[in-house]
Protein backbone atom coordinates (compact mmCIF):
# COMPACT_ATOMS: atom_id res chain seq x y z
CA MET A 1 -5.41 -51.98 5.02
CA ALA A 2 -4.02 -52.78 1.57
CA ARG A 3 -0.30 -53.51 1.42
CA THR A 4 1.92 -51.32 -0.72
CA ILE A 5 4.38 -52.64 -3.29
CA GLN A 6 7.89 -51.91 -2.05
CA SER A 7 9.54 -51.87 -5.48
CA LEU A 8 7.09 -49.22 -6.72
CA GLU A 9 7.63 -47.13 -3.60
CA ARG A 10 11.38 -47.31 -4.13
CA ALA A 11 11.06 -46.41 -7.82
CA ALA A 12 8.93 -43.40 -6.93
CA ALA A 13 11.53 -42.38 -4.33
CA VAL A 14 14.28 -42.55 -6.98
CA LEU A 15 12.31 -40.25 -9.28
CA ARG A 16 11.68 -37.75 -6.49
CA LEU A 17 15.36 -37.82 -5.58
CA LEU A 18 16.39 -37.10 -9.17
CA ALA A 19 13.77 -34.34 -9.43
CA GLY A 20 15.40 -32.34 -6.65
CA GLY A 21 18.84 -31.15 -5.72
CA GLU A 22 21.53 -31.45 -8.37
CA ARG A 23 19.22 -33.28 -10.81
CA ARG A 24 22.13 -35.59 -11.85
CA LEU A 25 23.30 -38.20 -9.36
CA GLY A 26 25.65 -41.17 -9.44
CA LEU A 27 24.77 -44.70 -8.38
CA SER A 28 26.59 -44.35 -5.06
CA ASP A 29 24.78 -41.09 -4.27
CA ILE A 30 21.39 -42.62 -4.99
CA ALA A 31 22.09 -45.82 -3.05
CA SER A 32 23.40 -43.84 -0.08
CA SER A 33 20.49 -41.37 -0.04
CA MET A 34 17.94 -44.19 -0.12
CA GLU A 35 19.92 -46.44 2.23
CA LEU A 36 19.88 -49.27 -0.30
CA PRO A 37 22.56 -51.72 -1.45
CA LYS A 38 24.15 -50.62 -4.72
CA GLY A 39 22.84 -53.72 -6.47
CA THR A 40 19.25 -52.95 -5.50
CA ALA A 41 19.58 -49.30 -6.52
CA HIS A 42 21.16 -50.28 -9.83
CA GLY A 43 18.30 -52.67 -10.57
CA LEU A 44 15.75 -49.92 -9.96
CA LEU A 45 17.65 -47.48 -12.16
CA ARG A 46 18.08 -50.03 -14.94
CA THR A 47 14.32 -50.74 -15.00
CA LEU A 48 13.42 -47.04 -14.95
CA GLN A 49 15.95 -46.44 -17.72
CA GLN A 50 14.42 -49.16 -19.89
CA GLU A 51 11.01 -47.50 -19.49
CA GLY A 52 12.39 -44.07 -20.40
CA PHE A 53 11.81 -42.55 -16.96
CA VAL A 54 15.54 -42.23 -16.25
CA GLU A 55 18.51 -41.46 -18.51
CA GLN A 56 22.21 -42.08 -17.89
CA ASP A 57 24.86 -39.64 -19.04
CA GLY A 58 27.40 -41.48 -21.18
CA ALA A 59 30.33 -39.33 -20.09
CA THR A 60 29.79 -39.19 -16.33
CA GLY A 61 27.62 -42.25 -15.75
CA LYS A 62 25.25 -40.15 -13.65
CA TYR A 63 21.49 -40.47 -13.81
CA GLN A 64 18.80 -37.88 -14.51
CA LEU A 65 15.07 -37.84 -15.25
CA GLY A 66 14.12 -39.14 -18.69
CA ALA A 67 12.02 -37.78 -21.53
CA GLU A 68 9.13 -40.17 -20.87
CA LEU A 69 8.33 -38.31 -17.66
CA LEU A 70 8.13 -35.05 -19.59
CA ARG A 71 5.77 -36.67 -22.09
CA LEU A 72 3.49 -37.94 -19.34
CA GLY A 73 3.67 -34.62 -17.52
CA THR A 74 2.82 -32.70 -20.68
CA SER A 75 -0.14 -35.00 -21.25
CA TYR A 76 -1.42 -34.07 -17.77
CA LEU A 77 -0.77 -30.39 -18.25
CA ASP A 78 -2.56 -30.31 -21.62
CA VAL A 79 -5.82 -31.19 -19.88
CA HIS A 80 -5.19 -28.86 -16.99
CA GLU A 81 -7.83 -26.18 -17.43
CA LEU A 82 -5.84 -23.49 -15.70
CA ARG A 83 -2.86 -23.94 -17.99
CA SER A 84 -5.04 -24.13 -21.09
CA ARG A 85 -6.82 -20.90 -20.20
CA ALA A 86 -3.56 -19.13 -19.40
CA LEU A 87 -1.51 -20.01 -22.51
CA VAL A 88 -2.37 -16.99 -24.66
CA TRP A 89 -2.36 -14.52 -21.79
CA ALA A 90 1.01 -15.77 -20.53
CA ASP A 91 2.51 -15.40 -24.01
CA ASP A 92 1.16 -11.84 -24.20
CA LEU A 93 2.62 -11.03 -20.78
CA ALA A 94 6.06 -12.29 -21.80
CA ARG A 95 5.99 -10.16 -24.95
CA SER A 96 4.79 -7.00 -23.19
CA SER A 97 7.09 -7.33 -20.19
CA GLY A 98 10.14 -8.75 -21.90
CA GLU A 99 10.55 -11.18 -18.99
CA SER A 100 10.02 -14.86 -18.25
CA VAL A 101 6.49 -15.78 -17.21
CA TYR A 102 5.59 -18.57 -14.77
CA LEU A 103 2.25 -20.12 -13.92
CA GLY A 104 2.20 -21.95 -10.60
CA VAL A 105 -0.21 -23.94 -8.43
CA PHE A 106 -0.02 -25.10 -4.83
CA HIS A 107 1.24 -28.69 -4.65
CA LEU A 108 2.39 -30.61 -1.58
CA GLN A 109 4.49 -28.10 0.39
CA GLY A 110 5.43 -25.78 -2.47
CA VAL A 111 4.60 -24.20 -5.81
CA LEU A 112 4.47 -26.45 -8.86
CA ILE A 113 5.34 -24.67 -12.12
CA VAL A 114 2.78 -25.81 -14.70
CA HIS A 115 3.66 -23.36 -17.48
CA HIS A 116 6.77 -21.36 -18.35
CA VAL A 117 7.16 -18.84 -21.16
CA PHE A 118 10.75 -17.94 -22.02
CA ARG A 119 12.00 -14.38 -21.89
CA PRO A 120 11.67 -13.18 -25.53
CA ASP A 121 15.31 -12.19 -26.09
CA ASN A 122 16.71 -15.36 -27.71
CA SER A 123 19.01 -16.00 -24.72
CA ARG A 124 19.74 -19.53 -23.57
CA GLN A 125 17.12 -20.56 -21.03
CA VAL A 126 16.03 -23.76 -19.27
CA LEU A 127 12.41 -24.91 -19.28
CA GLU A 128 11.22 -25.14 -15.67
CA VAL A 129 7.83 -26.80 -16.12
CA GLY A 130 7.50 -29.34 -13.34
CA ALA A 131 9.95 -27.56 -11.05
CA MET A 132 8.99 -26.77 -7.45
CA GLN A 133 9.43 -23.38 -5.79
CA PRO A 134 9.18 -22.54 -2.08
CA LEU A 135 6.07 -20.92 -0.67
CA HIS A 136 7.63 -18.43 1.72
CA SER A 137 10.21 -16.68 -0.46
CA THR A 138 8.89 -16.59 -4.04
CA ALA A 139 6.31 -14.19 -5.43
CA LEU A 140 4.15 -17.08 -6.65
CA GLY A 141 4.40 -18.78 -3.26
CA LYS A 142 3.52 -15.66 -1.30
CA VAL A 143 0.42 -15.10 -3.44
CA LEU A 144 -0.76 -18.67 -2.89
CA SER A 145 0.05 -18.49 0.85
CA ALA A 146 -1.86 -15.22 1.16
CA PHE A 147 -5.05 -16.31 -0.59
CA ASP A 148 -5.17 -20.11 -0.23
CA PRO A 149 -5.84 -21.27 3.37
CA VAL A 150 -4.20 -24.66 2.83
CA ALA A 151 -1.07 -23.12 1.30
CA HIS A 152 -1.04 -20.62 4.15
CA SER A 153 -1.02 -23.41 6.72
CA GLU A 154 1.85 -25.16 4.95
CA ALA A 155 3.89 -21.95 4.70
CA VAL A 156 3.28 -21.04 8.35
CA ASP A 157 3.83 -24.49 9.83
CA GLY A 158 6.64 -25.58 7.50
CA GLU A 159 10.31 -24.68 7.40
CA ARG A 160 11.07 -21.21 6.05
CA LYS A 161 14.59 -21.68 4.78
CA ARG A 162 16.87 -18.67 4.38
CA PHE A 163 18.13 -18.54 0.78
CA THR A 164 19.63 -15.03 0.83
CA GLU A 165 20.06 -12.14 3.27
CA ARG A 166 16.65 -10.81 2.15
CA THR A 167 14.67 -13.99 2.82
CA VAL A 168 11.90 -13.45 5.36
CA THR A 169 11.90 -16.36 7.83
CA GLY A 170 10.32 -14.99 11.03
CA LEU A 171 6.67 -15.92 11.49
CA ALA A 172 5.42 -12.45 12.49
CA GLU A 173 7.34 -10.77 9.68
CA PHE A 174 6.11 -13.37 7.19
CA GLU A 175 2.48 -12.85 8.25
CA ASP A 176 2.98 -9.10 7.71
CA VAL A 177 4.17 -9.84 4.17
CA LEU A 178 1.08 -11.95 3.49
CA GLU A 179 -1.24 -9.27 4.89
CA ALA A 180 0.38 -6.70 2.60
CA THR A 181 -0.09 -9.12 -0.30
CA ARG A 182 -3.80 -9.46 0.43
CA THR A 183 -4.20 -5.69 0.71
CA ARG A 184 -2.53 -4.78 -2.57
CA GLY A 185 -3.41 -7.92 -4.52
CA TRP A 186 0.09 -8.98 -5.62
CA ALA A 187 3.40 -10.17 -4.22
CA ALA A 188 7.07 -9.67 -5.00
CA ASP A 189 10.36 -11.47 -4.45
CA VAL A 190 13.41 -9.23 -4.70
CA GLU A 191 16.50 -11.43 -4.27
CA GLU A 192 14.76 -13.40 -1.52
CA THR A 193 15.17 -16.72 -3.34
CA TRP A 194 17.84 -16.12 -6.00
CA GLU A 195 20.56 -13.45 -5.98
CA GLY A 196 20.13 -10.95 -8.79
CA LEU A 197 16.54 -11.93 -9.64
CA ALA A 198 13.21 -10.32 -8.82
CA SER A 199 9.65 -11.50 -9.39
CA ILE A 200 6.11 -10.13 -9.31
CA ALA A 201 3.02 -12.37 -9.09
CA ALA A 202 -0.76 -12.07 -8.76
CA PRO A 203 -3.52 -14.59 -7.92
CA ILE A 204 -5.77 -16.37 -10.42
CA ARG A 205 -9.30 -17.16 -9.25
CA ASP A 206 -12.08 -19.41 -10.50
CA ARG A 207 -15.82 -18.77 -10.79
CA ARG A 208 -16.18 -19.17 -7.02
CA ARG A 209 -13.45 -16.56 -6.53
CA MET A 210 -11.27 -19.26 -5.03
CA PRO A 211 -7.51 -18.98 -5.70
CA VAL A 212 -6.50 -21.73 -8.11
CA GLY A 213 -3.03 -20.54 -9.05
CA ALA A 214 -0.74 -17.59 -9.58
CA VAL A 215 0.99 -16.00 -12.55
CA GLY A 216 4.13 -13.92 -12.44
CA VAL A 217 7.18 -12.53 -14.19
CA THR A 218 10.81 -13.07 -13.21
CA GLY A 219 13.83 -11.12 -14.39
CA ALA A 220 17.03 -9.36 -13.40
CA VAL A 221 16.61 -6.96 -10.47
CA GLU A 222 17.69 -3.98 -12.55
CA ARG A 223 14.90 -4.65 -15.05
CA VAL A 224 12.09 -5.53 -12.63
CA CYS A 225 12.87 -2.86 -10.03
CA GLU A 226 13.34 0.87 -10.38
CA ASP A 227 16.93 1.98 -11.01
CA VAL A 228 17.49 3.29 -7.48
CA PRO A 229 16.19 1.42 -4.39
CA VAL A 230 13.66 3.56 -2.57
CA ALA A 231 13.89 3.94 1.21
CA VAL A 232 10.34 4.22 2.45
CA ALA A 233 9.58 5.86 5.77
CA ALA A 234 6.99 4.25 8.01
CA GLY A 235 3.52 4.98 6.70
CA ALA A 236 4.82 6.78 3.61
CA ALA A 237 4.97 4.13 0.91
CA ALA A 238 5.07 5.36 -2.68
CA THR A 239 1.95 4.73 -4.71
CA THR A 240 1.00 4.96 -8.33
CA ALA A 241 -1.75 7.15 -9.70
CA THR A 242 -4.14 4.22 -9.33
CA GLY A 243 -3.34 3.82 -5.65
CA VAL A 244 -1.34 0.60 -6.04
CA THR A 245 1.60 0.45 -3.65
CA ASN A 246 4.67 -0.67 -5.59
CA VAL A 247 7.02 -1.05 -2.65
CA THR A 248 8.07 -4.39 -1.22
CA SER A 249 10.11 -5.00 1.92
CA GLY A 250 12.81 -7.54 2.61
CA ALA A 251 15.59 -8.14 5.09
CA ALA A 252 17.85 -5.70 3.23
CA GLY A 253 15.41 -2.77 3.00
CA ASP A 254 12.69 -1.44 0.71
CA VAL A 255 12.73 -1.42 -3.09
CA GLU A 256 10.24 -0.19 -5.64
CA LEU A 257 8.92 -2.40 -8.43
CA ARG A 258 8.30 -1.01 -11.89
CA PRO A 259 4.62 0.06 -11.96
CA MET A 260 4.15 -1.07 -15.57
CA LEU A 261 5.24 -4.61 -14.68
CA VAL A 262 2.98 -4.75 -11.63
CA ALA A 263 0.03 -3.59 -13.74
CA ALA A 264 0.82 -6.06 -16.54
CA VAL A 265 0.97 -9.03 -14.15
CA ARG A 266 -2.29 -8.04 -12.46
CA ASP A 267 -4.02 -7.57 -15.82
CA CYS A 268 -2.86 -11.03 -16.93
CA ALA A 269 -4.15 -12.62 -13.71
CA ARG A 270 -7.52 -10.90 -14.12
CA ALA A 271 -7.79 -12.02 -17.75
CA VAL A 272 -7.12 -15.67 -16.91
CA SER A 273 -9.54 -15.44 -13.97
CA ARG A 274 -12.28 -14.10 -16.25
CA ASP A 275 -11.67 -16.99 -18.65
CA LEU A 276 -12.16 -19.34 -15.69
CA GLY A 277 -15.51 -17.73 -14.93
CA ALA A 278 -14.52 -15.33 -12.17
CA ARG A 279 -16.44 -12.09 -11.99
CA ARG A 280 -14.59 -8.82 -12.28
CA PHE A 281 -12.53 -8.04 -9.19
C-alpha cells in the first residue's frame, strides 16, 4: 500500500477546518483542533498563505480560506455539466421568484452548493458556492435523500442534528418526510435549519432519470409561506388545482408554501433535466 505524505494530509486538514465552523480561526485554535504544536501549524499556514490558499486578517491575525481556492473551485465548476446547464434557468428562477436560488449536489455526507444566484433586490448577500448543507434538514438535502439511494443511506445512518425546534431528527418521522417528498416531487424546509428562513427544492435528473442534483429557492418565511400557517387535519391536506400538495410538516406544526413558488421551482428542475437529456416527467 502506498504511503501518504503527512504534510499534505495536514494541509488538507487545515483547509477543511477553515472551510467549516466560524471560517476565521487563530493560530492557537487551529493548532489545538489539529493537535499540533504551534510551530508546525504556523509552518503549514505560512506555506498555504504563500500559495494563496489561505489569507490572514491584518487586524485580528486570524486565518481564512484564500482566493486561490475560489479560482480553482470555479475552474472545476465551469466544466461541471450540471451547473453549466442550470445557469440560465437558475437566473430565470431568481428573477421570477424574487428569492435566492441554490443548485446543490450530494457530496460526502451533505449537500455541496455548486451554484448560487443572489436574491434580485440589491441587498447585501454572501456568495455560498462551495458551502455544505445538511441532508436531513434542508430542502435540497431532503430531495437528494429521497431520490438518491446513496444520499438516503448517509442521511439515515448519519447524525441528524437538531438546528431548531422544527428540525426532524427521528428516523421514522424522517422517512415519512422522504416518502412525502417522493410522492409530491419536491421538498421544503420551513425554519428547520435556519430561524426565519424557508426553502423549496426539486430534483434534477439526467437522461437515465437518475437524480444528479437539486435546485431550490430560499427566502424569508413570510415570503415563501402563505401569510397564515395552515393547520391541516389528518388526511385533509390542502392542494392546488393541479393536485400538488403545498403543505409541509415540521416539529412545530403544518405550514403552507406559496403555490407559485412550488410551481416555479419544479418548472426550473424540469427544464434543467430536459437540457441534461431527461425525458418529460
